[in-house]
Amino acid sequence: MSRRPRRNHSPAFKAKVALAAVKGDRTIAQLAEHFDVHPNQITAWKSQLEGSASDVFGSGGGTPATPTVDVKSLHAKIGELTLENDFLEGALTKAGLLSAKR
């Protein structure tokens, strides 16, 4: 009997199967046959769902707030540092402290 290749299930599929298991309309064996997944995998996904369900309703509303990045100020800082590096490179080369080889 040959083994089937390893499958990677999407998070949406895992959530769908776990929610079906939480509902309790069908047994784990029936769900395993319907979704073509091992019963132990369904049990694991169900426990993951139940364990992390409190994170959805916790403080922050489920999605962590990403800090806003000011791209203009970052580009300005990059330009400023590049200018300083070019100036210092020229000054050190002129003073003979920086070799031209690198």
PDB file of N, CA and C in Angstrom:
ATOM      1  N   MET A   1       0.840  -1.172   0.000  1.00  0.00           N
ATOM      2  CA  MET A   1       0.000   0.000   0.000  1.00  0.00           C
ATOM      3  C   MET A   1       0.886   1.236   0.000  1.00  0.00           C
ATOM      4  N   SER A   2       0.700   2.101  -0.946  1.00  0.00           N
ATOM      5  CA  SER A   2       1.537   3.298  -1.032  1.00  0.00           C
ATOM      6  C   SER A   2       0.935   4.419  -0.193  1.00  0.00           C
ATOM      7  N   ARG A   3       1.829   5.219   0.320  1.00  0.00           N
ATOM      8  CA  ARG A   3       1.394   6.353   1.131  1.00  0.00           C
ATOM      9  C   ARG A   3       1.117   7.542   0.233  1.00  0.00           C
ATOM     10  N   ARG A   4       0.169   8.339   0.618  1.00  0.00           N
ATOM     11  CA  ARG A   4      -0.125   9.526  -0.170  1.00  0.00           C
ATOM     12  C   ARG A   4       0.852  10.624   0.230  1.00  0.00           C
ATOM     13  N   PRO A   5       1.141  11.560  -0.680  1.00  0.00           N
ATOM     14  CA  PRO A   5       2.091  12.629  -0.354  1.00  0.00           C
ATOM     15  C   PRO A   5       1.547  13.539   0.752  1.00  0.00           C
ATOM     16  N   ARG A   6       2.470  14.155   1.438  1.00  0.00           N
ATOM     17  CA  ARG A   6       2.119  15.041   2.539  1.00  0.00           C
ATOM     18  C   ARG A   6       1.317  16.225   2.011  1.00  0.00           C
ATOM     19  N   ARG A   7       0.246  16.557   2.718  1.00  0.00           N
ATOM     20  CA  ARG A   7      -0.610  17.670   2.308  1.00  0.00           C
ATOM     21  C   ARG A   7      -0.487  18.813   3.310  1.00  0.00           C
ATOM     22  N   ASN A   8      -0.507  20.018   2.808  1.00  0.00           N
ATOM     23  CA  ASN A   8      -0.521  21.213   3.653  1.00  0.00           C
ATOM     24  C   ASN A   8      -1.890  21.859   3.487  1.00  0.00           C
ATOM     25  N   HIS A   9      -2.612  21.932   4.589  1.00  0.00           N
ATOM     26  CA  HIS A   9      -3.960  22.498   4.545  1.00  0.00           C
ATOM     27  C   HIS A   9      -3.903  23.987   4.855  1.00  0.00           C
ATOM     28  N   SER A  10      -4.757  24.733   4.201  1.00  0.00           N
ATOM     29  CA  SER A  10      -4.808  26.179   4.426  1.00  0.00           C
ATOM     30  C   SER A  10      -5.449  26.471   5.777  1.00  0.00           C
ATOM     31  N   PRO A  11      -5.136  27.623   6.352  1.00  0.00           N
ATOM     32  CA  PRO A  11      -5.769  27.987   7.620  1.00  0.00           C
ATOM     33  C   PRO A  11      -7.289  28.061   7.526  1.00  0.00           C
ATOM     34  N   ALA A  12      -7.813  28.460   6.380  1.00  0.00           N
ATOM     35  CA  ALA A  12      -9.267  28.534   6.216  1.00  0.00           C
ATOM     36  C   ALA A  12      -9.887  27.137   6.289  1.00  0.00           C
ATOM     37  N   PHE A  13      -9.234  26.155   5.671  1.00  0.00           N
ATOM     38  CA  PHE A  13      -9.735  24.782   5.715  1.00  0.00           C
ATOM     39  C   PHE A  13      -9.691  24.240   7.143  1.00  0.00           C
ATOM     40  N   LYS A  14      -8.582  24.520   7.837  1.00  0.00           N
ATOM     41  CA  LYS A  14      -8.446  24.054   9.223  1.00  0.00           C
ATOM     42  C   LYS A  14      -9.540  24.654  10.101  1.00  0.00           C
ATOM     43  N   ALA A  15      -9.821  25.936   9.900  1.00  0.00           N
ATOM     44  CA  ALA A  15     -10.859  26.597  10.697  1.00  0.00           C
ATOM     45  C   ALA A  15     -12.225  26.013  10.398  1.00  0.00           C
ATOM     46  N   LYS A  16     -12.477  25.726   9.135  1.00  0.00           N
ATOM     47  CA  LYS A  16     -13.763  25.152   8.743  1.00  0.00           C
ATOM     48  C   LYS A  16     -13.970  23.786   9.392  1.00  0.00           C
ATOM     49  N   VAL A  17     -12.934  22.960   9.371  1.00  0.00           N
ATOM     50  CA  VAL A  17     -13.028  21.627   9.962  1.00  0.00           C
ATOM     51  C   VAL A  17     -13.170  21.726  11.473  1.00  0.00           C
ATOM     52  N   ALA A  18     -12.389  22.607  12.101  1.00  0.00           N
ATOM     53  CA  ALA A  18     -12.440  22.750  13.557  1.00  0.00           C
ATOM     54  C   ALA A  18     -13.802  23.282  14.011  1.00  0.00           C
ATOM     55  N   LEU A  19     -14.351  24.226  13.280  1.00  0.00           N
ATOM     56  CA  LEU A  19     -15.676  24.743  13.629  1.00  0.00           C
ATOM     57  C   LEU A  19     -16.751  23.673  13.479  1.00  0.00           C
ATOM     58  N   ALA A  20     -16.610  22.836  12.460  1.00  0.00           N
ATOM     59  CA  ALA A  20     -17.560  21.737  12.294  1.00  0.00           C
ATOM     60  C   ALA A  20     -17.453  20.767  13.463  1.00  0.00           C
ATOM     61  N   ALA A  21     -16.227  20.567  13.972  1.00  0.00           N
ATOM     62  CA  ALA A  21     -16.036  19.676  15.115  1.00  0.00           C
ATOM     63  C   ALA A  21     -16.603  20.286  16.385  1.00  0.00           C
ATOM     64  N   VAL A  22     -16.484  21.603  16.529  1.00  0.00           N
ATOM     65  CA  VAL A  22     -17.008  22.274  17.724  1.00  0.00           C
ATOM     66  C   VAL A  22     -18.532  22.244  17.726  1.00  0.00           C
ATOM     67  N   LYS A  23     -19.137  22.367  16.547  1.00  0.00           N
ATOM     68  CA  LYS A  23     -20.605  22.332  16.460  1.00  0.00           C
ATOM     69  C   LYS A  23     -21.167  21.056  17.072  1.00  0.00           C
ATOM     70  N   GLY A  24     -20.541  19.932  16.760  1.00  0.00           N
ATOM     71  CA  GLY A  24     -20.986  18.670  17.327  1.00  0.00           C
ATOM     72  C   GLY A  24     -22.134  18.022  16.598  1.00  0.00           C
ATOM     73  N   ASP A  25     -22.464  18.486  15.395  1.00  0.00           N
ATOM     74  CA  ASP A  25     -23.543  17.876  14.618  1.00  0.00           C
ATOM     75  C   ASP A  25     -23.195  16.442  14.211  1.00  0.00           C
ATOM     76  N   ARG A  26     -21.922  16.243  13.870  1.00  0.00           N
ATOM     77  CA  ARG A  26     -21.452  14.937  13.432  1.00  0.00           C
ATOM     78  C   ARG A  26     -20.293  14.491  14.314  1.00  0.00           C
ATOM     79  N   THR A  27     -20.021  13.218  14.311  1.00  0.00           N
ATOM     80  CA  THR A  27     -18.909  12.696  15.108  1.00  0.00           C
ATOM     81  C   THR A  27     -17.586  13.020  14.418  1.00  0.00           C
ATOM     82  N   ILE A  28     -16.504  12.874  15.162  1.00  0.00           N
ATOM     83  CA  ILE A  28     -15.175  13.129  14.613  1.00  0.00           C
ATOM     84  C   ILE A  28     -14.902  12.165  13.454  1.00  0.00           C
ATOM     85  N   ALA A  29     -15.342  10.917  13.584  1.00  0.00           N
ATOM     86  CA  ALA A  29     -15.135   9.929  12.523  1.00  0.00           C
ATOM     87  C   ALA A  29     -15.880  10.328  11.247  1.00  0.00           C
ATOM     88  N   GLN A  30     -17.084  10.840  11.397  1.00  0.00           N
ATOM     89  CA  GLN A  30     -17.851  11.275  10.227  1.00  0.00           C
ATOM     90  C   GLN A  30     -17.190  12.485   9.571  1.00  0.00           C
ATOM     91  N   LEU A  31     -16.701  13.413  10.387  1.00  0.00           N
ATOM     92  CA  LEU A  31     -16.010  14.587   9.853  1.00  0.00           C
ATOM     93  C   LEU A  31     -14.723  14.175   9.142  1.00  0.00           C
ATOM     94  N   ALA A  32     -14.012  13.222   9.720  1.00  0.00           N
ATOM     95  CA  ALA A  32     -12.769  12.757   9.111  1.00  0.00           C
ATOM     96  C   ALA A  32     -13.029  12.147   7.737  1.00  0.00           C
ATOM     97  N   GLU A  33     -14.093  11.399   7.631  1.00  0.00           N
ATOM     98  CA  GLU A  33     -14.433  10.797   6.343  1.00  0.00           C
ATOM     99  C   GLU A  33     -14.893  11.862   5.349  1.00  0.00           C
ATOM    100  N   HIS A  34     -15.667  12.816   5.819  1.00  0.00           N
ATOM    101  CA  HIS A  34     -16.189  13.865   4.938  1.00  0.00           C
ATOM    102  C   HIS A  34     -15.074  14.771   4.413  1.00  0.00           C
ATOM    103  N   PHE A  35     -14.162  15.193   5.296  1.00  0.00           N
ATOM    104  CA  PHE A  35     -13.094  16.123   4.902  1.00  0.00           C
ATOM    105  C   PHE A  35     -11.818  15.407   4.467  1.00  0.00           C
ATOM    106  N   ASP A  36     -11.788  14.060   4.553  1.00  0.00           N
ATOM    107  CA  ASP A  36     -10.627  13.257   4.169  1.00  0.00           C
ATOM    108  C   ASP A  36      -9.381  13.667   4.965  1.00  0.00           C
ATOM    109  N   VAL A  37      -9.561  13.722   6.278  1.00  0.00           N
ATOM    110  CA  VAL A  37      -8.487  14.083   7.202  1.00  0.00           C
ATOM    111  C   VAL A  37      -8.510  13.065   8.345  1.00  0.00           C
ATOM    112  N   HIS A  38      -7.357  12.816   8.931  1.00  0.00           N
ATOM    113  CA  HIS A  38      -7.283  11.866  10.046  1.00  0.00           C
ATOM    114  C   HIS A  38      -8.016  12.427  11.271  1.00  0.00           C
ATOM    115  N   PRO A  39      -8.725  11.572  12.020  1.00  0.00           N
ATOM    116  CA  PRO A  39      -9.464  12.049  13.195  1.00  0.00           C
ATOM    117  C   PRO A  39      -8.581  12.737  14.241  1.00  0.00           C
ATOM    118  N   ASN A  40      -7.341  12.251  14.408  1.00  0.00           N
ATOM    119  CA  ASN A  40      -6.439  12.907  15.366  1.00  0.00           C
ATOM    120  C   ASN A  40      -6.126  14.344  14.949  1.00  0.00           C
ATOM    121  N   GLN A  41      -6.040  14.578  13.638  1.00  0.00           N
ATOM    122  CA  GLN A  41      -5.768  15.927  13.147  1.00  0.00           C
ATOM    123  C   GLN A  41      -6.942  16.848  13.437  1.00  0.00           C
ATOM    124  N   ILE A  42      -8.144  16.347  13.299  1.00  0.00           N
ATOM    125  CA  ILE A  42      -9.336  17.152  13.601  1.00  0.00           C
ATOM    126  C   ILE A  42      -9.373  17.504  15.079  1.00  0.00           C
ATOM    127  N   THR A  43      -9.039  16.540  15.927  1.00  0.00           N
ATOM    128  CA  THR A  43      -9.007  16.793  17.370  1.00  0.00           C
ATOM    129  C   THR A  43      -7.964  17.849  17.712  1.00  0.00           C
ATOM    130  N   ALA A  44      -6.808  17.777  17.056  1.00  0.00           N
ATOM    131  CA  ALA A  44      -5.749  18.761  17.313  1.00  0.00           C
ATOM    132  C   ALA A  44      -6.188  20.162  16.877  1.00  0.00           C
ATOM    133  N   TRP A  45      -6.811  20.254  15.700  1.00  0.00           N
ATOM    134  CA  TRP A  45      -7.272  21.560  15.212  1.00  0.00           C
ATOM    135  C   TRP A  45      -8.375  22.115  16.100  1.00  0.00           C
ATOM    136  N   LYS A  46      -9.225  21.242  16.590  1.00  0.00           N
ATOM    137  CA  LYS A  46     -10.310  21.675  17.476  1.00  0.00           C
ATOM    138  C   LYS A  46      -9.743  22.236  18.774  1.00  0.00           C
ATOM    139  N   SER A  47      -8.747  21.560  19.338  1.00  0.00           N
ATOM    140  CA  SER A  47      -8.158  22.056  20.590  1.00  0.00           C
ATOM    141  C   SER A  47      -7.392  23.356  20.359  1.00  0.00           C
ATOM    142  N   GLN A  48      -6.754  23.502  19.187  1.00  0.00           N
ATOM    143  CA  GLN A  48      -6.084  24.771  18.871  1.00  0.00           C
ATOM    144  C   GLN A  48      -7.101  25.901  18.772  1.00  0.00           C
ATOM    145  N   LEU A  49      -8.227  25.627  18.155  1.00  0.00           N
ATOM    146  CA  LEU A  49      -9.277  26.641  18.023  1.00  0.00           C
ATOM    147  C   LEU A  49      -9.811  27.040  19.387  1.00  0.00           C
ATOM    148  N   GLU A  50     -10.093  26.057  20.214  1.00  0.00           N
ATOM    149  CA  GLU A  50     -10.625  26.355  21.541  1.00  0.00           C
ATOM    150  C   GLU A  50      -9.600  27.071  22.407  1.00  0.00           C
ATOM    151  N   GLY A  51      -8.320  26.752  22.240  1.00  0.00           N
ATOM    152  CA  GLY A  51      -7.270  27.388  23.035  1.00  0.00           C
ATOM    153  C   GLY A  51      -7.009  28.833  22.647  1.00  0.00           C
ATOM    154  N   SER A  52      -7.156  29.134  21.370  1.00  0.00           N
ATOM    155  CA  SER A  52      -6.838  30.496  20.921  1.00  0.00           C
ATOM    156  C   SER A  52      -8.076  31.342  20.662  1.00  0.00           C
ATOM    157  N   ALA A  53      -9.256  30.828  20.954  1.00  0.00           N
ATOM    158  CA  ALA A  53     -10.476  31.602  20.717  1.00  0.00           C
ATOM    159  C   ALA A  53     -10.551  32.829  21.618  1.00  0.00           C
ATOM    160  N   SER A  54      -9.988  32.747  22.801  1.00  0.00           N
ATOM    161  CA  SER A  54     -10.033  33.894  23.707  1.00  0.00           C
ATOM    162  C   SER A  54      -9.182  35.054  23.190  1.00  0.00           C
ATOM    163  N   ASP A  55      -8.170  34.760  22.351  1.00  0.00           N
ATOM    164  CA  ASP A  55      -7.334  35.824  21.793  1.00  0.00           C
ATOM    165  C   ASP A  55      -8.122  36.705  20.835  1.00  0.00           C
ATOM    166  N   VAL A  56      -9.111  36.139  20.189  1.00  0.00           N
ATOM    167  CA  VAL A  56      -9.903  36.902  19.229  1.00  0.00           C
ATOM    168  C   VAL A  56     -10.711  37.977  19.937  1.00  0.00           C
ATOM    169  N   PHE A  57     -11.255  37.640  21.110  1.00  0.00           N
ATOM    170  CA  PHE A  57     -12.104  38.584  21.823  1.00  0.00           C
ATOM    171  C   PHE A  57     -11.362  39.347  22.914  1.00  0.00           C
ATOM    172  N   GLY A  58     -10.066  39.156  23.024  1.00  0.00           N
ATOM    173  CA  GLY A  58      -9.281  39.871  24.027  1.00  0.00           C
ATOM    174  C   GLY A  58      -9.061  41.313  23.632  1.00  0.00           C
ATOM    175  N   SER A  59      -8.240  41.995  24.402  1.00  0.00           N
ATOM    176  CA  SER A  59      -7.961  43.395  24.098  1.00  0.00           C
ATOM    177  C   SER A  59      -7.247  43.499  22.760  1.00  0.00           C
ATOM    178  N   GLY A  60      -7.662  44.402  21.948  1.00  0.00           N
ATOM    179  CA  GLY A  60      -7.066  44.597  20.640  1.00  0.00           C
ATOM    180  C   GLY A  60      -7.958  44.123  19.517  1.00  0.00           C
ATOM    181  N   GLY A  61      -8.963  43.332  19.809  1.00  0.00           N
ATOM    182  CA  GLY A  61      -9.923  42.934  18.800  1.00  0.00           C
ATOM    183  C   GLY A  61      -9.441  41.900  17.811  1.00  0.00           C
ATOM    184  N   GLY A  62      -8.413  41.133  18.124  1.00  0.00           N
ATOM    185  CA  GLY A  62      -8.010  40.049  17.248  1.00  0.00           C
ATOM    186  C   GLY A  62      -6.789  40.357  16.409  1.00  0.00           C
ATOM    187  N   THR A  63      -6.745  41.507  15.755  1.00  0.00           N
ATOM    188  CA  THR A  63      -5.583  41.825  14.942  1.00  0.00           C
ATOM    189  C   THR A  63      -4.721  42.823  15.697  1.00  0.00           C
ATOM    190  N   PRO A  64      -3.427  42.518  15.850  1.00  0.00           N
ATOM    191  CA  PRO A  64      -2.562  43.455  16.553  1.00  0.00           C
ATOM    192  C   PRO A  64      -2.378  44.731  15.746  1.00  0.00           C
ATOM    193  N   ALA A  65      -2.328  45.845  16.443  1.00  0.00           N
ATOM    194  CA  ALA A  65      -2.171  47.133  15.782  1.00  0.00           C
ATOM    195  C   ALA A  65      -0.738  47.273  15.278  1.00  0.00           C
ATOM    196  N   THR A  66      -0.585  47.531  13.995  1.00  0.00           N
ATOM    197  CA  THR A  66       0.747  47.723  13.435  1.00  0.00           C
ATOM    198  C   THR A  66       1.088  49.201  13.507  1.00  0.00           C
ATOM    199  N   PRO A  67       2.288  49.510  13.950  1.00  0.00           N
ATOM    200  CA  PRO A  67       2.651  50.927  14.046  1.00  0.00           C
ATOM    201  C   PRO A  67       2.759  51.537  12.650  1.00  0.00           C
ATOM    202  N   THR A  68       2.303  52.767  12.532  1.00  0.00           N
ATOM    203  CA  THR A  68       2.380  53.441  11.249  1.00  0.00           C
ATOM    204  C   THR A  68       3.817  53.891  11.008  1.00  0.00           C
ATOM    205  N   VAL A  69       4.283  53.691   9.806  1.00  0.00           N
ATOM    206  CA  VAL A  69       5.656  54.023   9.441  1.00  0.00           C
ATOM    207  C   VAL A  69       5.622  55.233   8.519  1.00  0.00           C
ATOM    208  N   ASP A  70       6.394  56.246   8.881  1.00  0.00           N
ATOM    209  CA  ASP A  70       6.490  57.440   8.053  1.00  0.00           C
ATOM    210  C   ASP A  70       7.626  57.233   7.056  1.00  0.00           C
ATOM    211  N   VAL A  71       7.274  56.861   5.841  1.00  0.00           N
ATOM    212  CA  VAL A  71       8.269  56.523   4.823  1.00  0.00           C
ATOM    213  C   VAL A  71       9.090  57.745   4.432  1.00  0.00           C
ATOM    214  N   LYS A  72       8.461  58.901   4.385  1.00  0.00           N
ATOM    215  CA  LYS A  72       9.189  60.118   3.990  1.00  0.00           C
ATOM    216  C   LYS A  72      10.324  60.430   4.958  1.00  0.00           C
ATOM    217  N   SER A  73      10.042  60.315   6.252  1.00  0.00           N
ATOM    218  CA  SER A  73      11.096  60.612   7.233  1.00  0.00           C
ATOM    219  C   SER A  73      12.206  59.573   7.178  1.00  0.00           C
ATOM    220  N   LEU A  74      11.852  58.314   6.887  1.00  0.00           N
ATOM    221  CA  LEU A  74      12.886  57.280   6.768  1.00  0.00           C
ATOM    222  C   LEU A  74      13.772  57.529   5.550  1.00  0.00           C
ATOM    223  N   HIS A  75      13.171  57.935   4.425  1.00  0.00           N
ATOM    224  CA  HIS A  75      13.970  58.262   3.242  1.00  0.00           C
ATOM    225  C   HIS A  75      14.856  59.470   3.503  1.00  0.00           C
ATOM    226  N   ALA A  76      14.349  60.433   4.239  1.00  0.00           N
ATOM    227  CA  ALA A  76      15.149  61.612   4.572  1.00  0.00           C
ATOM    228  C   ALA A  76      16.340  61.220   5.439  1.00  0.00           C
ATOM    229  N   LYS A  77      16.121  60.313   6.390  1.00  0.00           N
ATOM    230  CA  LYS A  77      17.205  59.867   7.270  1.00  0.00           C
ATOM    231  C   LYS A  77      18.254  59.092   6.471  1.00  0.00           C
ATOM    232  N   ILE A  78      17.806  58.262   5.520  1.00  0.00           N
ATOM    233  CA  ILE A  78      18.747  57.516   4.677  1.00  0.00           C
ATOM    234  C   ILE A  78      19.599  58.479   3.862  1.00  0.00           C
ATOM    235  N   GLY A  79      18.975  59.508   3.286  1.00  0.00           N
ATOM    236  CA  GLY A  79      19.722  60.502   2.521  1.00  0.00           C
ATOM    237  C   GLY A  79      20.727  61.247   3.380  1.00  0.00           C
ATOM    238  N   GLU A  80      20.311  61.597   4.587  1.00  0.00           N
ATOM    239  CA  GLU A  80      21.205  62.308   5.510  1.00  0.00           C
ATOM    240  C   GLU A  80      22.418  61.449   5.871  1.00  0.00           C
ATOM    241  N   LEU A  81      22.203  60.191   6.177  1.00  0.00           N
ATOM    242  CA  LEU A  81      23.308  59.299   6.542  1.00  0.00           C
ATOM    243  C   LEU A  81      24.230  59.030   5.356  1.00  0.00           C
ATOM    244  N   THR A  82      23.653  58.920   4.161  1.00  0.00           N
ATOM    245  CA  THR A  82      24.480  58.730   2.970  1.00  0.00           C
ATOM    246  C   THR A  82      25.371  59.938   2.735  1.00  0.00           C
ATOM    247  N   LEU A  83      24.817  61.120   2.900  1.00  0.00           N
ATOM    248  CA  LEU A  83      25.592  62.346   2.738  1.00  0.00           C
ATOM    249  C   LEU A  83      26.728  62.414   3.756  1.00  0.00           C
ATOM    250  N   GLU A  84      26.444  62.075   5.006  1.00  0.00           N
ATOM    251  CA  GLU A  84      27.483  62.084   6.033  1.00  0.00           C
ATOM    252  C   GLU A  84      28.583  61.068   5.723  1.00  0.00           C
ATOM    253  N   ASN A  85      28.201  59.875   5.280  1.00  0.00           N
ATOM    254  CA  ASN A  85      29.194  58.848   4.953  1.00  0.00           C
ATOM    255  C   ASN A  85      30.081  59.281   3.794  1.00  0.00           C
ATOM    256  N   ASP A  86      29.483  59.885   2.762  1.00  0.00           N
ATOM    257  CA  ASP A  86      30.264  60.358   1.623  1.00  0.00           C
ATOM    258  C   ASP A  86      31.231  61.462   2.045  1.00  0.00           C
ATOM    259  N   PHE A  87      30.775  62.373   2.887  1.00  0.00           N
ATOM    260  CA  PHE A  87      31.636  63.451   3.365  1.00  0.00           C
ATOM    261  C   PHE A  87      32.810  62.899   4.175  1.00  0.00           C
ATOM    262  N   LEU A  88      32.517  61.995   5.096  1.00  0.00           N
ATOM    263  CA  LEU A  88      33.576  61.431   5.933  1.00  0.00           C
ATOM    264  C   LEU A  88      34.548  60.585   5.119  1.00  0.00           C
ATOM    265  N   GLU A  89      34.046  59.876   4.123  1.00  0.00           N
ATOM    266  CA  GLU A  89      34.929  59.086   3.275  1.00  0.00           C
ATOM    267  C   GLU A  89      35.901  59.995   2.519  1.00  0.00           C
ATOM    268  N   GLY A  90      35.370  61.091   1.996  1.00  0.00           N
ATOM    269  CA  GLY A  90      36.227  62.031   1.279  1.00  0.00           C
ATOM    270  C   GLY A  90      37.254  62.667   2.194  1.00  0.00           C
ATOM    271  N   ALA A  91      36.851  63.052   3.397  1.00  0.00           N
ATOM    272  CA  ALA A  91      37.771  63.691   4.339  1.00  0.00           C
ATOM    273  C   ALA A  91      38.847  62.714   4.787  1.00  0.00           C
ATOM    274  N   LEU A  92      38.498  61.491   5.065  1.00  0.00           N
ATOM    275  CA  LEU A  92      39.482  60.504   5.503  1.00  0.00           C
ATOM    276  C   LEU A  92      40.432  60.105   4.379  1.00  0.00           C
ATOM    277  N   THR A  93      39.924  60.058   3.158  1.00  0.00           N
ATOM    278  CA  THR A  93      40.792  59.751   2.022  1.00  0.00           C
ATOM    279  C   THR A  93      41.786  60.877   1.800  1.00  0.00           C
ATOM    280  N   LYS A  94      41.322  62.100   1.923  1.00  0.00           N
ATOM    281  CA  LYS A  94      42.189  63.274   1.734  1.00  0.00           C
ATOM    282  C   LYS A  94      43.267  63.319   2.813  1.00  0.00           C
ATOM    283  N   ALA A  95      42.915  62.902   4.041  1.00  0.00           N
ATOM    284  CA  ALA A  95      43.866  62.916   5.145  1.00  0.00           C
ATOM    285  C   ALA A  95      44.814  61.717   5.092  1.00  0.00           C
ATOM    286  N   GLY A  96      44.549  60.762   4.231  1.00  0.00           N
ATOM    287  CA  GLY A  96      45.407  59.591   4.103  1.00  0.00           C
ATOM    288  C   GLY A  96      45.107  58.499   5.109  1.00  0.00           C
ATOM    289  N   LEU A  97      44.010  58.602   5.807  1.00  0.00           N
ATOM    290  CA  LEU A  97      43.654  57.603   6.811  1.00  0.00           C
ATOM    291  C   LEU A  97      42.800  56.474   6.243  1.00  0.00           C
ATOM    292  N   LEU A  98      42.288  56.667   5.040  1.00  0.00           N
ATOM    293  CA  LEU A  98      41.447  55.648   4.415  1.00  0.00           C
ATOM    294  C   LEU A  98      42.090  55.287   3.090  1.00  0.00           C
ATOM    295  N   SER A  99      42.381  53.998   2.931  1.00  0.00           N
ATOM    296  CA  SER A  99      43.022  53.572   1.682  1.00  0.00           C
ATOM    297  C   SER A  99      42.027  53.584   0.549  1.00  0.00           C
ATOM    298  N   ALA A 100      42.484  53.817  -0.656  1.00  0.00           N
ATOM    299  CA  ALA A 100      41.620  53.883  -1.824  1.00  0.00           C
ATOM    300  C   ALA A 100      41.233  52.478  -2.305  1.00  0.00           C
ATOM    301  N   LYS A 101      41.944  51.424  -1.838  1.00  0.00           N
ATOM    302  CA  LYS A 101      41.690  50.064  -2.279  1.00  0.00           C
ATOM    303  C   LYS A 101      40.357  49.538  -1.770  1.00  0.00           C
ATOM    304  N   ARG A 102      40.191  49.580  -0.491  1.00  0.00           N
ATOM    305  CA  ARG A 102      39.034  49.014   0.196  1.00  0.00           C
ATOM    306  C   ARG A 102      38.979  47.574  -0.085  1.00  0.00           C
TER     307      ARG A 102
END
